[in-house]
């Protein structure tokens, strides 16, 4: 799994949430901002990973069906 532009965008969003929470929000809201940053940053990577796995699984199923049809 290699990083793509969308992953970089997610990391930038996470860092932005973290920095905004650290410097512009009250101290008691910092954990909330940091948590949201981590969730949004990881969410884009997780969604892409799930989507790639679904595509790979569909390709494997199509290949198995193709090879069975060749045997018949």
C-alpha atoms as a PDB file:
ATOM      1  CA  UNK A   1       0.000   0.000   0.000  1.00  0.00           C
ATOM      2  CA  UNK A   2       1.534   3.273  -1.077  1.00  0.00           C
ATOM      3  CA  UNK A   3       0.440   6.745  -0.088  1.00  0.00           C
ATOM      4  CA  UNK A   4      -1.436   8.859  -2.604  1.00  0.00           C
ATOM      5  CA  UNK A   5      -2.516  12.499  -2.794  1.00  0.00           C
ATOM      6  CA  UNK A   6      -5.750  11.811  -0.915  1.00  0.00           C
ATOM      7  CA  UNK A   7      -3.769  10.337   1.952  1.00  0.00           C
ATOM      8  CA  UNK A   8      -1.627  13.452   2.096  1.00  0.00           C
ATOM      9  CA  UNK A   9      -4.770  15.590   2.179  1.00  0.00           C
ATOM     10  CA  UNK A  10      -6.040  13.549   5.120  1.00  0.00           C
ATOM     11  CA  UNK A  11      -2.773  14.000   6.974  1.00  0.00           C
ATOM     12  CA  UNK A  12      -2.836  17.756   6.315  1.00  0.00           C
ATOM     13  CA  UNK A  13      -6.414  17.942   7.635  1.00  0.00           C
ATOM     14  CA  UNK A  14      -5.371  16.035  10.754  1.00  0.00           C
ATOM     15  CA  UNK A  15      -2.426  18.349  11.382  1.00  0.00           C
ATOM     16  CA  UNK A  16      -4.621  21.413  10.768  1.00  0.00           C
ATOM     17  CA  UNK A  17      -7.186  20.219  13.340  1.00  0.00           C
ATOM     18  CA  UNK A  18      -4.379  19.525  15.774  1.00  0.00           C
ATOM     19  CA  UNK A  19      -2.792  22.953  15.331  1.00  0.00           C
ATOM     20  CA  UNK A  20      -6.092  24.825  15.494  1.00  0.00           C
ATOM     21  CA  UNK A  21      -6.956  22.979  18.669  1.00  0.00           C
ATOM     22  CA  UNK A  22      -3.553  23.664  20.162  1.00  0.00           C
ATOM     23  CA  UNK A  23      -3.263  27.374  19.432  1.00  0.00           C
ATOM     24  CA  UNK A  24      -6.764  28.792  18.906  1.00  0.00           C
ATOM     25  CA  UNK A  25      -9.111  26.793  21.123  1.00  0.00           C
ATOM     26  CA  UNK A  26      -9.278  26.695  24.908  1.00  0.00           C
ATOM     27  CA  UNK A  27      -7.212  24.020  26.614  1.00  0.00           C
ATOM     28  CA  UNK A  28     -10.250  21.946  27.528  1.00  0.00           C
ATOM     29  CA  UNK A  29     -11.243  21.612  23.839  1.00  0.00           C
ATOM     30  CA  UNK A  30      -7.805  20.513  22.644  1.00  0.00           C
ATOM     31  CA  UNK A  31      -8.444  16.756  23.115  1.00  0.00           C
ATOM     32  CA  UNK A  32     -11.636  17.078  21.061  1.00  0.00           C
ATOM     33  CA  UNK A  33      -9.842  18.872  18.223  1.00  0.00           C
ATOM     34  CA  UNK A  34      -6.946  16.410  18.313  1.00  0.00           C
ATOM     35  CA  UNK A  35      -9.355  13.461  18.259  1.00  0.00           C
ATOM     36  CA  UNK A  36     -11.294  14.887  15.323  1.00  0.00           C
ATOM     37  CA  UNK A  37      -8.047  15.456  13.464  1.00  0.00           C
ATOM     38  CA  UNK A  38      -6.970  11.869  13.975  1.00  0.00           C
ATOM     39  CA  UNK A  39     -10.374  10.522  12.920  1.00  0.00           C
ATOM     40  CA  UNK A  40     -10.584  12.646   9.765  1.00  0.00           C
ATOM     41  CA  UNK A  41      -6.973  11.954   8.876  1.00  0.00           C
ATOM     42  CA  UNK A  42      -7.344   8.202   9.227  1.00  0.00           C
ATOM     43  CA  UNK A  43     -10.807   8.047   7.667  1.00  0.00           C
ATOM     44  CA  UNK A  44      -9.621   8.889   4.154  1.00  0.00           C
ATOM     45  CA  UNK A  45      -6.896   6.243   4.323  1.00  0.00           C
ATOM     46  CA  UNK A  46      -9.281   3.589   5.679  1.00  0.00           C
ATOM     47  CA  UNK A  47     -11.923   4.325   3.028  1.00  0.00           C
ATOM     48  CA  UNK A  48      -9.344   4.026   0.232  1.00  0.00           C
ATOM     49  CA  UNK A  49      -8.001   0.791   1.709  1.00  0.00           C
ATOM     50  CA  UNK A  50     -11.499  -0.739   1.871  1.00  0.00           C
ATOM     51  CA  UNK A  51     -12.278   0.368  -1.686  1.00  0.00           C
ATOM     52  CA  UNK A  52      -9.028  -1.137  -3.024  1.00  0.00           C
ATOM     53  CA  UNK A  53      -9.752  -4.424  -1.252  1.00  0.00           C
ATOM     54  CA  UNK A  54     -13.249  -4.582  -2.750  1.00  0.00           C
ATOM     55  CA  UNK A  55     -11.867  -3.994  -6.245  1.00  0.00           C
ATOM     56  CA  UNK A  56      -9.214  -6.669  -5.720  1.00  0.00           C
ATOM     57  CA  UNK A  57     -11.815  -9.152  -4.494  1.00  0.00           C
ATOM     58  CA  UNK A  58     -14.028  -8.476  -7.531  1.00  0.00           C
ATOM     59  CA  UNK A  59     -11.058  -9.067  -9.851  1.00  0.00           C
ATOM     60  CA  UNK A  60     -10.297 -12.385  -8.145  1.00  0.00           C
ATOM     61  CA  UNK A  61     -13.913 -13.524  -8.477  1.00  0.00           C
ATOM     62  CA  UNK A  62     -13.998 -12.539 -12.140  1.00  0.00           C
ATOM     63  CA  UNK A  63     -10.736 -14.410 -12.775  1.00  0.00           C
ATOM     64  CA  UNK A  64     -12.055 -17.565 -11.090  1.00  0.00           C
ATOM     65  CA  UNK A  65     -15.222 -17.391 -13.168  1.00  0.00           C
ATOM     66  CA  UNK A  66     -13.159 -16.881 -16.321  1.00  0.00           C
ATOM     67  CA  UNK A  67     -10.899 -19.843 -15.572  1.00  0.00           C
ATOM     68  CA  UNK A  68     -13.902 -22.095 -14.863  1.00  0.00           C
ATOM     69  CA  UNK A  69     -15.426 -21.114 -18.180  1.00  0.00           C
ATOM     70  CA  UNK A  70     -12.189 -22.011 -19.960  1.00  0.00           C
ATOM     71  CA  UNK A  71     -12.221 -25.495 -18.454  1.00  0.00           C
ATOM     72  CA  UNK A  72     -15.786 -26.202 -19.618  1.00  0.00           C
END
